[in-house]
Structure formats: structure tokens, C-alpha cells
Amino acid sequence: MPATLPDPAGPRVGLFVTCLVDAIRPGIGFAALQLLEEAGCRVEVPQTQTCCGQPALNSGDDRDAAALARQTIAAFEHCDHVVLPSGSCAGTMVHAYPELLADDPDWAARARTMAAKTHEITSFLVDVMGYRPEGRRLDATATYHDSCAGLRELGIAAQPRALLAEIDGLQMRPLEGNDVCCGFGGTFCVKYPRISDAITTDKALAIERTGAELLLAGDLGCLMNMAGKLHRRGAATRCFHTIEVLAGRADGPAIGEEG
């Protein structure tokens, strides 16, 4: 499929890559860039972006989380939209930033403005841009896990499934407990490793029962957690971020596989 040039009149979109994608699976970031440009967006990747602040927030370090919130807002507030390949990080920016900065009227207003234009990528493609992938084919069976933050904080469920339904040859199989936590939970898996492991084991068993070749989801943290458990169990299931499949980039190593 020929490359699609961004629309000069399209919206200016700031791509927040996320820490995990940048450090562990940069191909997800390139898939996001590709899909956004195909949708007609002018994409920027501000170089001053770092962490969204969620790990600090989850650990009770509101001061550093607020500092990261200010840094992120300053880096992205010139954009028409802010888009992330992560419901978890997007949920932090949408819901936590206005609360973290509520005591500073100027920053609180800027946080609310930022929150209103921040989107998880599949939601943005479907709900804002009306995008559908064209000319994609993947002859495989797949199942889908709904990551907690995207589902519960942002209402993301139908959007990734609508996009995946456009992929020729891809057969989706239902996952029992698709909306149940995978056990990762950010710092939860560090604080409560035994509980996390038990939850992840239940999730892996449910995935294996589908018989699907692929596991898809919208958050890399969840995918790394589930991929690790599946690998240790000797399961053949391969894990990809949803947008890797949508961008036609599922022909390389899966998450957790050597390149």
C-alpha cells in the first residue's frame, strides 16, 4: 500500500509516545504515526515529552506527578489534539491532570483544556477522524483484552473492534473475562506480586482456551505482562498491540520475542 502523506489542512496532532513504547517497543510509535498520517493528520512528536507521571501518581508522589503534568502540558498544548497508544497514560492525562493541578488556577485551566483534547489512538481514529484501514490483510485468529484504564476511564471498547473488523482475513474470537484485569496494574504488580501472578495466570488460561493465534490489546504494559506469562507457560499465543495489526506491522517479532 503506498504511503499516505498527511493532509496539509488536517489537524495538528501531538503524538505522546509513552515511556514503555519508547524504551521497549518503538514500533508501536511508528505504527501510531503511520495510522495518524493515513487519517489525514499532521503529526508532531515533541522532543520534550518524558513520562506522563502515572508511576509517581500511583506511588503517592503527587508533587513529582504534578511537575510531569506541567511539563507535558507545556509540550503539547499548542496541538489541536494529543493522541497516545495507551489508554492508561491517556486516562492519567484526562482525569488526573486537572486534579493534580487544581490548586493553581492557571495550570488547572490549562490541564482542563489539555484533557478535553487528549485521546487514546483507536478512539481518536474512530470517534474524531472517522478513519478505517484499507488494503490490510492478516490471515490469523485473534482475541482481544480490554485494558482496565482504557475501558473504565475512557470507555474504549467498540472502537478497536470496529477497526479490527476491517482487516481482511482476521478472525476475532471472544475472550472470557475480556474486561477483567490482567494483573499488571502499573505499580500494583510490584506491590502485590502474588496477587498479580494469580490474576495473570487466570487471564493466561482464558486466552489459551480461545485457541487464538494472537492476543491483541491497547496497552503495552498489559501486553508485556500477559506475553511473559504465556511464554513461561509454553503457550503459542503471540501478542501484539492493536495498532501494529491495524498498520500492517504484525509480520515481525511479537512482544517478548527476539528480533
C-alpha atoms as a PDB file:
ATOM      1  CA  MET A   1       0.000   0.000   0.000  1.00  0.00           C
ATOM      2  CA  PRO A   2       1.556   3.368  -0.973  1.00  0.00           C
ATOM      3  CA  ALA A   3       2.500   5.768   1.778  1.00  0.00           C
ATOM      4  CA  THR A   4      -0.128   8.333   2.659  1.00  0.00           C
ATOM      5  CA  LEU A   5       1.009  11.919   3.016  1.00  0.00           C
ATOM      6  CA  PRO A   6      -0.526  13.978   5.820  1.00  0.00           C
ATOM      7  CA  ASP A   7      -3.239  16.405   4.803  1.00  0.00           C
ATOM      8  CA  PRO A   8      -1.833  19.984   4.886  1.00  0.00           C
ATOM      9  CA  ALA A   9      -5.221  21.093   6.174  1.00  0.00           C
ATOM     10  CA  GLY A  10      -5.539  18.236   8.649  1.00  0.00           C
ATOM     11  CA  PRO A  11      -5.470  18.672  12.425  1.00  0.00           C
ATOM     12  CA  ARG A  12      -2.149  19.145  14.179  1.00  0.00           C
ATOM     13  CA  VAL A  13      -1.766  16.077  16.387  1.00  0.00           C
ATOM     14  CA  GLY A  14       0.814  15.699  19.119  1.00  0.00           C
ATOM     15  CA  LEU A  15       1.850  12.059  19.494  1.00  0.00           C
ATOM     16  CA  PHE A  16       2.682  11.140  23.079  1.00  0.00           C
ATOM     17  CA  VAL A  17       4.767   8.013  22.572  1.00  0.00           C
ATOM     18  CA  THR A  18       4.773   6.793  26.234  1.00  0.00           C
ATOM     19  CA  CYS A  19       7.765   5.543  28.196  1.00  0.00           C
ATOM     20  CA  LEU A  20       7.217   1.830  27.570  1.00  0.00           C
ATOM     21  CA  VAL A  21       6.756   2.244  23.838  1.00  0.00           C
ATOM     22  CA  ASP A  22       9.863   4.412  23.575  1.00  0.00           C
ATOM     23  CA  ALA A  23      12.036   2.047  25.625  1.00  0.00           C
ATOM     24  CA  ILE A  24      10.608  -1.378  24.840  1.00  0.00           C
ATOM     25  CA  ARG A  25       8.559  -1.405  21.621  1.00  0.00           C
ATOM     26  CA  PRO A  26       9.208   1.683  19.489  1.00  0.00           C
ATOM     27  CA  GLY A  27       7.485   0.029  16.533  1.00  0.00           C
ATOM     28  CA  ILE A  28       4.180   0.856  18.205  1.00  0.00           C
ATOM     29  CA  GLY A  29       5.094   4.520  17.973  1.00  0.00           C
ATOM     30  CA  PHE A  30       5.834   4.199  14.261  1.00  0.00           C
ATOM     31  CA  ALA A  31       2.523   2.358  13.778  1.00  0.00           C
ATOM     32  CA  ALA A  32       0.743   5.233  15.523  1.00  0.00           C
ATOM     33  CA  LEU A  33       2.487   7.778  13.309  1.00  0.00           C
ATOM     34  CA  GLN A  34       1.524   5.809  10.187  1.00  0.00           C
ATOM     35  CA  LEU A  35      -2.143   5.487  11.122  1.00  0.00           C
ATOM     36  CA  LEU A  36      -2.484   9.127  12.131  1.00  0.00           C
ATOM     37  CA  GLU A  37      -0.972  10.289   8.851  1.00  0.00           C
ATOM     38  CA  GLU A  38      -3.221   7.916   6.914  1.00  0.00           C
ATOM     39  CA  ALA A  39      -6.144   9.522   8.724  1.00  0.00           C
ATOM     40  CA  GLY A  40      -5.022  12.919   7.404  1.00  0.00           C
ATOM     41  CA  CYS A  41      -3.306  14.311  10.493  1.00  0.00           C
ATOM     42  CA  ARG A  42      -0.190  16.467  10.680  1.00  0.00           C
ATOM     43  CA  VAL A  43       1.757  14.684  13.389  1.00  0.00           C
ATOM     44  CA  GLU A  44       4.301  16.174  15.758  1.00  0.00           C
ATOM     45  CA  VAL A  45       6.335  14.308  18.366  1.00  0.00           C
ATOM     46  CA  PRO A  46       7.506  16.937  20.867  1.00  0.00           C
ATOM     47  CA  GLN A  47      11.041  16.148  21.971  1.00  0.00           C
ATOM     48  CA  THR A  48      10.497  17.467  25.498  1.00  0.00           C
ATOM     49  CA  GLN A  49       7.995  14.757  26.369  1.00  0.00           C
ATOM     50  CA  THR A  50       9.046  12.272  29.031  1.00  0.00           C
ATOM     51  CA  CYS A  51       6.727  10.368  31.388  1.00  0.00           C
ATOM     52  CA  CYS A  52       3.051  11.202  31.863  1.00  0.00           C
ATOM     53  CA  GLY A  53       3.567  10.933  35.637  1.00  0.00           C
ATOM     54  CA  GLN A  54       1.415   7.895  36.276  1.00  0.00           C
ATOM     55  CA  PRO A  55       4.047   5.831  38.173  1.00  0.00           C
ATOM     56  CA  ALA A  56       4.687   8.722  40.549  1.00  0.00           C
ATOM     57  CA  LEU A  57       0.957   9.286  40.954  1.00  0.00           C
ATOM     58  CA  ASN A  58       0.317   5.608  41.709  1.00  0.00           C
ATOM     59  CA  SER A  59       3.086   5.692  44.304  1.00  0.00           C
ATOM     60  CA  GLY A  60       1.628   8.695  46.133  1.00  0.00           C
ATOM     61  CA  ASP A  61       4.221  11.173  44.857  1.00  0.00           C
ATOM     62  CA  ASP A  62       1.798  13.889  43.816  1.00  0.00           C
ATOM     63  CA  ARG A  63       4.483  16.598  43.738  1.00  0.00           C
ATOM     64  CA  ASP A  64       6.563  14.925  41.054  1.00  0.00           C
ATOM     65  CA  ALA A  65       3.439  13.776  39.217  1.00  0.00           C
ATOM     66  CA  ALA A  66       2.262  17.398  39.088  1.00  0.00           C
ATOM     67  CA  ALA A  67       5.665  18.540  37.796  1.00  0.00           C
ATOM     68  CA  LEU A  68       5.457  15.978  34.995  1.00  0.00           C
ATOM     69  CA  ALA A  69       1.912  17.081  34.253  1.00  0.00           C
ATOM     70  CA  ARG A  70       3.064  20.692  33.824  1.00  0.00           C
ATOM     71  CA  GLN A  71       5.934  19.603  31.578  1.00  0.00           C
ATOM     72  CA  THR A  72       3.607  17.531  29.393  1.00  0.00           C
ATOM     73  CA  ILE A  73       1.009  20.270  29.099  1.00  0.00           C
ATOM     74  CA  ALA A  74       3.653  22.804  28.100  1.00  0.00           C
ATOM     75  CA  ALA A  75       4.987  20.439  25.437  1.00  0.00           C
ATOM     76  CA  PHE A  76       1.638  19.601  23.850  1.00  0.00           C
ATOM     77  CA  GLU A  77      -0.840  22.404  24.457  1.00  0.00           C
ATOM     78  CA  HIS A  78      -0.145  24.025  21.071  1.00  0.00           C
ATOM     79  CA  CYS A  79      -1.545  20.937  19.304  1.00  0.00           C
ATOM     80  CA  ASP A  80      -5.151  20.533  18.202  1.00  0.00           C
ATOM     81  CA  HIS A  81      -5.227  17.032  19.689  1.00  0.00           C
ATOM     82  CA  VAL A  82      -2.971  14.867  21.841  1.00  0.00           C
ATOM     83  CA  VAL A  83      -3.015  11.163  20.971  1.00  0.00           C
ATOM     84  CA  LEU A  84      -1.500   8.206  22.813  1.00  0.00           C
ATOM     85  CA  PRO A  85      -1.215   4.464  22.044  1.00  0.00           C
ATOM     86  CA  SER A  86      -2.181   3.797  25.673  1.00  0.00           C
ATOM     87  CA  GLY A  87      -5.489   4.100  27.489  1.00  0.00           C
ATOM     88  CA  SER A  88      -3.595   4.062  30.773  1.00  0.00           C
ATOM     89  CA  CYS A  89      -1.454   7.132  30.067  1.00  0.00           C
ATOM     90  CA  ALA A  90      -4.329   8.887  28.295  1.00  0.00           C
ATOM     91  CA  GLY A  91      -6.575   8.282  31.305  1.00  0.00           C
ATOM     92  CA  THR A  92      -3.958   9.867  33.550  1.00  0.00           C
ATOM     93  CA  MET A  93      -3.818  12.976  31.406  1.00  0.00           C
ATOM     94  CA  VAL A  94      -7.595  13.245  31.043  1.00  0.00           C
ATOM     95  CA  HIS A  95      -8.596  12.618  34.652  1.00  0.00           C
ATOM     96  CA  ALA A  96      -5.565  13.093  36.906  1.00  0.00           C
ATOM     97  CA  TYR A  97      -4.013  16.254  35.480  1.00  0.00           C
ATOM     98  CA  PRO A  98      -6.937  18.566  36.357  1.00  0.00           C
ATOM     99  CA  GLU A  99      -7.000  17.111  39.879  1.00  0.00           C
ATOM    100  CA  LEU A 100      -3.232  17.330  40.402  1.00  0.00           C
ATOM    101  CA  LEU A 101      -3.167  20.996  39.349  1.00  0.00           C
ATOM    102  CA  ALA A 102      -6.499  22.068  40.845  1.00  0.00           C
ATOM    103  CA  ASP A 103      -4.881  24.422  43.387  1.00  0.00           C
ATOM    104  CA  ASP A 104      -3.244  26.567  40.702  1.00  0.00           C
ATOM    105  CA  PRO A 105      -5.952  28.412  38.691  1.00  0.00           C
ATOM    106  CA  ASP A 106      -3.767  28.977  35.630  1.00  0.00           C
ATOM    107  CA  TRP A 107      -2.434  25.424  35.410  1.00  0.00           C
ATOM    108  CA  ALA A 108      -5.825  23.964  36.318  1.00  0.00           C
ATOM    109  CA  ALA A 109      -7.386  25.712  33.337  1.00  0.00           C
ATOM    110  CA  ARG A 110      -4.585  24.557  31.056  1.00  0.00           C
ATOM    111  CA  ALA A 111      -4.975  20.998  32.369  1.00  0.00           C
ATOM    112  CA  ARG A 112      -8.712  21.011  31.639  1.00  0.00           C
ATOM    113  CA  THR A 113      -8.070  22.274  28.113  1.00  0.00           C
ATOM    114  CA  MET A 114      -5.449  19.581  27.611  1.00  0.00           C
ATOM    115  CA  ALA A 115      -7.738  16.876  28.981  1.00  0.00           C
ATOM    116  CA  ALA A 116     -10.515  17.841  26.583  1.00  0.00           C
ATOM    117  CA  LYS A 117      -8.330  17.220  23.534  1.00  0.00           C
ATOM    118  CA  THR A 118      -6.464  14.108  24.708  1.00  0.00           C
ATOM    119  CA  HIS A 119      -7.388  10.753  23.155  1.00  0.00           C
ATOM    120  CA  GLU A 120      -6.374   7.112  23.095  1.00  0.00           C
ATOM    121  CA  ILE A 121      -5.468   6.349  19.493  1.00  0.00           C
ATOM    122  CA  THR A 122      -8.225   3.914  18.469  1.00  0.00           C
ATOM    123  CA  SER A 123     -10.830   6.227  19.977  1.00  0.00           C
ATOM    124  CA  PHE A 124      -9.336   9.174  18.116  1.00  0.00           C
ATOM    125  CA  LEU A 125      -9.225   7.345  14.791  1.00  0.00           C
ATOM    126  CA  VAL A 126     -12.847   6.207  15.037  1.00  0.00           C
ATOM    127  CA  ASP A 127     -14.616   8.924  17.016  1.00  0.00           C
ATOM    128  CA  VAL A 128     -12.766  12.022  15.784  1.00  0.00           C
ATOM    129  CA  MET A 129     -11.323  11.169  12.376  1.00  0.00           C
ATOM    130  CA  GLY A 130     -13.784   8.528  11.140  1.00  0.00           C
ATOM    131  CA  TYR A 131     -10.814   6.503   9.934  1.00  0.00           C
ATOM    132  CA  ARG A 132     -10.960   2.933   8.616  1.00  0.00           C
ATOM    133  CA  PRO A 133      -7.873   0.965   7.487  1.00  0.00           C
ATOM    134  CA  GLU A 134      -7.880  -0.039   3.834  1.00  0.00           C
ATOM    135  CA  GLY A 135      -5.957  -2.730   1.988  1.00  0.00           C
ATOM    136  CA  ARG A 136      -4.895  -4.614   5.107  1.00  0.00           C
ATOM    137  CA  ARG A 137      -4.937  -8.398   5.351  1.00  0.00           C
ATOM    138  CA  LEU A 138      -3.863 -10.757   8.114  1.00  0.00           C
ATOM    139  CA  ASP A 139      -4.843 -14.410   7.904  1.00  0.00           C
ATOM    140  CA  ALA A 140      -4.968 -15.257  11.595  1.00  0.00           C
ATOM    141  CA  THR A 141      -7.234 -15.829  14.569  1.00  0.00           C
ATOM    142  CA  ALA A 142      -7.076 -13.292  17.394  1.00  0.00           C
ATOM    143  CA  THR A 143      -8.668 -12.461  20.692  1.00  0.00           C
ATOM    144  CA  TYR A 144      -8.880  -9.090  22.435  1.00  0.00           C
ATOM    145  CA  HIS A 145      -8.211  -7.993  26.020  1.00  0.00           C
ATOM    146  CA  ASP A 146      -9.783  -4.736  27.217  1.00  0.00           C
ATOM    147  CA  SER A 147      -7.223  -2.948  29.356  1.00  0.00           C
ATOM    148  CA  CYS A 148      -8.682  -1.548  32.569  1.00  0.00           C
ATOM    149  CA  ALA A 149      -7.862   2.148  32.211  1.00  0.00           C
ATOM    150  CA  GLY A 150      -8.948   2.428  28.585  1.00  0.00           C
ATOM    151  CA  LEU A 151     -12.196   0.599  29.260  1.00  0.00           C
ATOM    152  CA  ARG A 152     -13.178   2.127  32.583  1.00  0.00           C
ATOM    153  CA  GLU A 153     -11.696   5.615  32.411  1.00  0.00           C
ATOM    154  CA  LEU A 154     -12.199   6.338  28.705  1.00  0.00           C
ATOM    155  CA  GLY A 155     -14.966   3.968  27.558  1.00  0.00           C
ATOM    156  CA  ILE A 156     -12.820   2.301  24.898  1.00  0.00           C
ATOM    157  CA  ALA A 157     -14.341  -0.996  23.760  1.00  0.00           C
ATOM    158  CA  ALA A 158     -16.156  -0.729  20.437  1.00  0.00           C
ATOM    159  CA  GLN A 159     -13.518   1.394  18.695  1.00  0.00           C
ATOM    160  CA  PRO A 160     -10.637  -1.114  18.449  1.00  0.00           C
ATOM    161  CA  ARG A 161     -13.046  -3.878  17.477  1.00  0.00           C
ATOM    162  CA  ALA A 162     -14.564  -1.736  14.726  1.00  0.00           C
ATOM    163  CA  LEU A 163     -11.106  -1.097  13.291  1.00  0.00           C
ATOM    164  CA  LEU A 164     -10.017  -4.733  13.560  1.00  0.00           C
ATOM    165  CA  ALA A 165     -13.199  -5.803  11.754  1.00  0.00           C
ATOM    166  CA  GLU A 166     -11.833  -4.030   8.676  1.00  0.00           C
ATOM    167  CA  ILE A 167      -8.772  -6.308   8.468  1.00  0.00           C
ATOM    168  CA  ASP A 168      -9.383  -8.944   5.789  1.00  0.00           C
ATOM    169  CA  GLY A 169      -8.701 -12.500   6.931  1.00  0.00           C
ATOM    170  CA  LEU A 170      -8.593 -11.680  10.647  1.00  0.00           C
ATOM    171  CA  GLN A 171     -10.993 -13.800  12.666  1.00  0.00           C
ATOM    172  CA  MET A 172     -11.768 -12.491  16.151  1.00  0.00           C
ATOM    173  CA  ARG A 173     -12.606 -14.940  18.935  1.00  0.00           C
ATOM    174  CA  PRO A 174     -14.312 -13.899  22.179  1.00  0.00           C
ATOM    175  CA  LEU A 175     -12.230 -13.898  25.337  1.00  0.00           C
ATOM    176  CA  GLU A 176     -13.880 -14.981  28.573  1.00  0.00           C
ATOM    177  CA  GLY A 177     -13.302 -12.215  31.105  1.00  0.00           C
ATOM    178  CA  ASN A 178     -12.057  -9.829  28.419  1.00  0.00           C
ATOM    179  CA  ASP A 179     -12.852  -6.912  30.745  1.00  0.00           C
ATOM    180  CA  VAL A 180     -11.101  -8.409  33.788  1.00  0.00           C
ATOM    181  CA  CYS A 181      -7.696  -7.059  34.869  1.00  0.00           C
ATOM    182  CA  CYS A 182      -4.640  -8.875  33.519  1.00  0.00           C
ATOM    183  CA  GLY A 183      -2.814  -8.419  36.845  1.00  0.00           C
ATOM    184  CA  PHE A 184      -0.386  -5.724  35.719  1.00  0.00           C
ATOM    185  CA  GLY A 185      -1.998  -2.596  37.114  1.00  0.00           C
ATOM    186  CA  GLY A 186       1.123  -0.451  36.851  1.00  0.00           C
ATOM    187  CA  THR A 187       2.761  -0.488  40.277  1.00  0.00           C
ATOM    188  CA  PHE A 188       0.150  -2.989  41.558  1.00  0.00           C
ATOM    189  CA  CYS A 189       2.203  -5.902  40.218  1.00  0.00           C
ATOM    190  CA  VAL A 190       5.217  -4.633  42.170  1.00  0.00           C
ATOM    191  CA  LYS A 191       3.351  -4.023  45.416  1.00  0.00           C
ATOM    192  CA  TYR A 192       1.317  -7.247  45.340  1.00  0.00           C
ATOM    193  CA  PRO A 193       3.261  -9.743  43.197  1.00  0.00           C
ATOM    194  CA  ARG A 194       1.479 -12.892  44.390  1.00  0.00           C
ATOM    195  CA  ILE A 195      -1.978 -11.474  43.775  1.00  0.00           C
ATOM    196  CA  SER A 196      -0.827 -10.122  40.431  1.00  0.00           C
ATOM    197  CA  ASP A 197       0.590 -13.503  39.416  1.00  0.00           C
ATOM    198  CA  ALA A 198      -2.644 -15.289  40.324  1.00  0.00           C
ATOM    199  CA  ILE A 199      -4.705 -12.831  38.268  1.00  0.00           C
ATOM    200  CA  THR A 200      -2.312 -13.124  35.328  1.00  0.00           C
ATOM    201  CA  THR A 201      -2.458 -16.925  35.454  1.00  0.00           C
ATOM    202  CA  ASP A 202      -6.263 -16.838  35.236  1.00  0.00           C
ATOM    203  CA  LYS A 203      -6.015 -14.450  32.293  1.00  0.00           C
ATOM    204  CA  ALA A 204      -3.491 -16.664  30.504  1.00  0.00           C
ATOM    205  CA  LEU A 205      -5.711 -19.723  30.923  1.00  0.00           C
ATOM    206  CA  ALA A 206      -8.657 -17.823  29.433  1.00  0.00           C
ATOM    207  CA  ILE A 207      -6.529 -16.691  26.490  1.00  0.00           C
ATOM    208  CA  GLU A 208      -5.314 -20.212  25.835  1.00  0.00           C
ATOM    209  CA  ARG A 209      -8.879 -21.548  25.876  1.00  0.00           C
ATOM    210  CA  THR A 210      -9.763 -19.328  22.916  1.00  0.00           C
ATOM    211  CA  GLY A 211      -7.278 -21.181  20.725  1.00  0.00           C
ATOM    212  CA  ALA A 212      -6.442 -17.857  19.080  1.00  0.00           C
ATOM    213  CA  GLU A 213      -3.054 -17.363  17.485  1.00  0.00           C
ATOM    214  CA  LEU A 214      -2.821 -13.723  18.523  1.00  0.00           C
ATOM    215  CA  LEU A 215      -3.629 -11.698  21.627  1.00  0.00           C
ATOM    216  CA  LEU A 216      -4.336  -8.024  20.961  1.00  0.00           C
ATOM    217  CA  ALA A 217      -4.737  -5.137  23.386  1.00  0.00           C
ATOM    218  CA  GLY A 218      -4.224  -1.391  23.587  1.00  0.00           C
ATOM    219  CA  ASP A 219      -1.677  -1.015  26.389  1.00  0.00           C
ATOM    220  CA  LEU A 220       1.895  -2.238  26.173  1.00  0.00           C
ATOM    221  CA  GLY A 221       2.212  -2.769  29.915  1.00  0.00           C
ATOM    222  CA  CYS A 222      -0.690  -5.212  29.909  1.00  0.00           C
ATOM    223  CA  LEU A 223       0.635  -6.917  26.797  1.00  0.00           C
ATOM    224  CA  MET A 224       4.119  -7.367  28.266  1.00  0.00           C
ATOM    225  CA  ASN A 225       2.607  -8.825  31.418  1.00  0.00           C
ATOM    226  CA  MET A 226       0.401 -11.289  29.551  1.00  0.00           C
ATOM    227  CA  ALA A 227       3.082 -12.152  26.989  1.00  0.00           C
ATOM    228  CA  GLY A 228       5.503 -13.002  29.770  1.00  0.00           C
ATOM    229  CA  LYS A 229       3.056 -15.334  31.481  1.00  0.00           C
ATOM    230  CA  LEU A 230       2.026 -17.006  28.222  1.00  0.00           C
ATOM    231  CA  HIS A 231       5.679 -17.522  27.280  1.00  0.00           C
ATOM    232  CA  ARG A 232       6.518 -19.053  30.662  1.00  0.00           C
ATOM    233  CA  ARG A 233       3.564 -21.415  30.266  1.00  0.00           C
ATOM    234  CA  GLY A 234       4.810 -22.512  26.863  1.00  0.00           C
ATOM    235  CA  ALA A 235       1.731 -21.143  25.068  1.00  0.00           C
ATOM    236  CA  ALA A 236       1.950 -20.499  21.336  1.00  0.00           C
ATOM    237  CA  THR A 237      -0.094 -17.284  21.520  1.00  0.00           C
ATOM    238  CA  ARG A 238       1.717 -14.252  20.113  1.00  0.00           C
ATOM    239  CA  CYS A 239       0.997 -10.757  21.459  1.00  0.00           C
ATOM    240  CA  PHE A 240       0.719  -7.515  19.507  1.00  0.00           C
ATOM    241  CA  HIS A 241      -0.560  -4.012  20.175  1.00  0.00           C
ATOM    242  CA  THR A 242      -3.792  -3.454  18.264  1.00  0.00           C
ATOM    243  CA  ILE A 243      -2.332  -0.670  16.159  1.00  0.00           C
ATOM    244  CA  GLU A 244       0.527  -2.880  14.980  1.00  0.00           C
ATOM    245  CA  VAL A 245      -2.083  -5.089  13.304  1.00  0.00           C
ATOM    246  CA  LEU A 246      -4.051  -2.092  12.008  1.00  0.00           C
ATOM    247  CA  ALA A 247      -0.893  -0.655  10.443  1.00  0.00           C
ATOM    248  CA  GLY A 248       0.045  -3.959   8.795  1.00  0.00           C
ATOM    249  CA  ARG A 249       3.060  -4.376  11.068  1.00  0.00           C
ATOM    250  CA  ALA A 250       2.326  -7.797  12.580  1.00  0.00           C
ATOM    251  CA  ASP A 251       4.760  -9.630  10.311  1.00  0.00           C
ATOM    252  CA  GLY A 252       7.731  -9.247  12.648  1.00  0.00           C
ATOM    253  CA  PRO A 253       8.591 -10.486  16.138  1.00  0.00           C
ATOM    254  CA  ALA A 254       5.721 -10.373  18.632  1.00  0.00           C
ATOM    255  CA  ILE A 255       6.045  -8.762  22.053  1.00  0.00           C
ATOM    256  CA  GLY A 256       8.568 -10.744  24.060  1.00  0.00           C
ATOM    257  CA  GLU A 257      10.098 -12.438  21.018  1.00  0.00           C
ATOM    258  CA  GLU A 258      13.659 -11.778  19.950  1.00  0.00           C
ATOM    259  CA  GLY A 259      14.096  -9.538  16.932  1.00  0.00           C
END
